[in-house]
């Protein structure tokens, strides 16, 4: 008779599963938009209080969102170049 075949333990099975999974893709555009929206709301509140009209809050949101999209797109492009 031959030697007994060792059974795989849980750690080996889990590490094989992790090797077969694809890595998570980070979406920098969404990250940039969320950060831009946060700063945009703060900027909008400053505009609204300074001009005594909270309707100007939309200006800050628009500026922050466009800034966030630009930053997120740049980070996304940079990440693609690093992985190429």
C-alpha atoms as a PDB file:
ATOM      1  CA  UNK A   1       0.000   0.000   0.000  1.00  0.00           C
ATOM      2  CA  UNK A   2       1.114   3.540  -0.752  1.00  0.00           C
ATOM      3  CA  UNK A   3       1.344   6.480   1.554  1.00  0.00           C
ATOM      4  CA  UNK A   4      -1.972   8.113   2.485  1.00  0.00           C
ATOM      5  CA  UNK A   5      -2.955  11.161   0.454  1.00  0.00           C
ATOM      6  CA  UNK A   6      -3.010  14.239   2.671  1.00  0.00           C
ATOM      7  CA  UNK A   7      -6.302  16.116   2.668  1.00  0.00           C
ATOM      8  CA  UNK A   8      -6.361  19.833   2.028  1.00  0.00           C
ATOM      9  CA  UNK A   9      -7.031  21.932   5.050  1.00  0.00           C
ATOM     10  CA  UNK A  10      -9.247  25.038   5.070  1.00  0.00           C
ATOM     11  CA  UNK A  11      -6.368  27.487   4.646  1.00  0.00           C
ATOM     12  CA  UNK A  12      -5.212  25.813   1.454  1.00  0.00           C
ATOM     13  CA  UNK A  13      -8.731  25.769   0.032  1.00  0.00           C
ATOM     14  CA  UNK A  14      -9.280  29.443   0.883  1.00  0.00           C
ATOM     15  CA  UNK A  15      -5.950  30.492  -0.639  1.00  0.00           C
ATOM     16  CA  UNK A  16      -6.814  28.639  -3.851  1.00  0.00           C
ATOM     17  CA  UNK A  17     -10.147  30.481  -3.991  1.00  0.00           C
ATOM     18  CA  UNK A  18      -8.400  33.826  -3.523  1.00  0.00           C
ATOM     19  CA  UNK A  19      -5.948  33.053  -6.331  1.00  0.00           C
ATOM     20  CA  UNK A  20      -8.816  32.295  -8.701  1.00  0.00           C
ATOM     21  CA  UNK A  21     -10.656  35.557  -7.957  1.00  0.00           C
ATOM     22  CA  UNK A  22     -10.019  38.645 -10.006  1.00  0.00           C
ATOM     23  CA  UNK A  23      -8.807  41.669  -8.048  1.00  0.00           C
ATOM     24  CA  UNK A  24     -11.278  44.445  -7.303  1.00  0.00           C
ATOM     25  CA  UNK A  25     -11.155  47.335  -9.734  1.00  0.00           C
ATOM     26  CA  UNK A  26     -11.020  50.730  -8.085  1.00  0.00           C
ATOM     27  CA  UNK A  27     -13.172  53.318  -9.794  1.00  0.00           C
ATOM     28  CA  UNK A  28     -11.426  56.620  -9.185  1.00  0.00           C
ATOM     29  CA  UNK A  29     -14.066  58.614 -11.053  1.00  0.00           C
ATOM     30  CA  UNK A  30     -16.697  57.779  -8.435  1.00  0.00           C
ATOM     31  CA  UNK A  31     -14.224  58.568  -5.662  1.00  0.00           C
ATOM     32  CA  UNK A  32     -13.416  61.938  -7.217  1.00  0.00           C
ATOM     33  CA  UNK A  33     -17.092  62.767  -7.708  1.00  0.00           C
ATOM     34  CA  UNK A  34     -17.973  61.969  -4.110  1.00  0.00           C
ATOM     35  CA  UNK A  35     -15.085  64.037  -2.746  1.00  0.00           C
ATOM     36  CA  UNK A  36     -15.883  66.874  -5.143  1.00  0.00           C
ATOM     37  CA  UNK A  37     -19.516  66.814  -4.085  1.00  0.00           C
ATOM     38  CA  UNK A  38     -18.474  67.041  -0.437  1.00  0.00           C
ATOM     39  CA  UNK A  39     -16.240  70.049  -1.046  1.00  0.00           C
ATOM     40  CA  UNK A  40     -18.845  71.518  -3.390  1.00  0.00           C
ATOM     41  CA  UNK A  41     -21.535  71.510  -0.717  1.00  0.00           C
ATOM     42  CA  UNK A  42     -19.154  73.220   1.694  1.00  0.00           C
ATOM     43  CA  UNK A  43     -18.228  75.773  -0.952  1.00  0.00           C
ATOM     44  CA  UNK A  44     -21.902  76.272  -1.765  1.00  0.00           C
ATOM     45  CA  UNK A  45     -22.725  76.974   1.847  1.00  0.00           C
ATOM     46  CA  UNK A  46     -19.958  79.584   1.909  1.00  0.00           C
ATOM     47  CA  UNK A  47     -21.403  81.208  -1.249  1.00  0.00           C
ATOM     48  CA  UNK A  48     -24.907  81.077   0.167  1.00  0.00           C
ATOM     49  CA  UNK A  49     -23.990  82.661   3.479  1.00  0.00           C
ATOM     50  CA  UNK A  50     -21.699  85.276   1.925  1.00  0.00           C
ATOM     51  CA  UNK A  51     -24.307  86.372  -0.623  1.00  0.00           C
ATOM     52  CA  UNK A  52     -27.218  85.952   1.791  1.00  0.00           C
ATOM     53  CA  UNK A  53     -29.046  83.681  -0.632  1.00  0.00           C
ATOM     54  CA  UNK A  54     -28.843  79.894  -0.239  1.00  0.00           C
ATOM     55  CA  UNK A  55     -29.892  79.532  -3.872  1.00  0.00           C
ATOM     56  CA  UNK A  56     -26.260  80.111  -4.748  1.00  0.00           C
ATOM     57  CA  UNK A  57     -25.442  76.779  -3.141  1.00  0.00           C
ATOM     58  CA  UNK A  58     -25.874  75.182  -6.569  1.00  0.00           C
ATOM     59  CA  UNK A  59     -22.846  77.134  -7.825  1.00  0.00           C
ATOM     60  CA  UNK A  60     -20.633  75.479  -5.217  1.00  0.00           C
ATOM     61  CA  UNK A  61     -22.057  72.039  -5.974  1.00  0.00           C
ATOM     62  CA  UNK A  62     -21.457  72.516  -9.712  1.00  0.00           C
ATOM     63  CA  UNK A  63     -17.884  73.691  -9.157  1.00  0.00           C
ATOM     64  CA  UNK A  64     -17.138  70.865  -6.714  1.00  0.00           C
ATOM     65  CA  UNK A  65     -18.678  68.216  -8.955  1.00  0.00           C
ATOM     66  CA  UNK A  66     -16.765  69.365 -12.035  1.00  0.00           C
ATOM     67  CA  UNK A  67     -13.565  69.507  -9.987  1.00  0.00           C
ATOM     68  CA  UNK A  68     -14.226  66.009  -8.666  1.00  0.00           C
ATOM     69  CA  UNK A  69     -14.867  64.596 -12.143  1.00  0.00           C
ATOM     70  CA  UNK A  70     -11.626  66.122 -13.415  1.00  0.00           C
ATOM     71  CA  UNK A  71      -9.592  64.770 -10.499  1.00  0.00           C
ATOM     72  CA  UNK A  72     -11.230  61.345 -10.681  1.00  0.00           C
ATOM     73  CA  UNK A  73     -10.681  61.062 -14.427  1.00  0.00           C
ATOM     74  CA  UNK A  74      -7.028  62.030 -14.019  1.00  0.00           C
ATOM     75  CA  UNK A  75      -6.509  59.445 -11.262  1.00  0.00           C
ATOM     76  CA  UNK A  76      -8.287  56.799 -13.356  1.00  0.00           C
ATOM     77  CA  UNK A  77      -6.080  57.579 -16.370  1.00  0.00           C
ATOM     78  CA  UNK A  78      -2.953  57.512 -14.213  1.00  0.00           C
ATOM     79  CA  UNK A  79      -3.939  54.143 -12.739  1.00  0.00           C
ATOM     80  CA  UNK A  80      -4.480  52.700 -16.228  1.00  0.00           C
ATOM     81  CA  UNK A  81      -1.025  53.875 -17.315  1.00  0.00           C
ATOM     82  CA  UNK A  82       0.608  52.341 -14.245  1.00  0.00           C
ATOM     83  CA  UNK A  83      -1.005  48.958 -14.917  1.00  0.00           C
ATOM     84  CA  UNK A  84      -0.240  48.922 -18.649  1.00  0.00           C
END
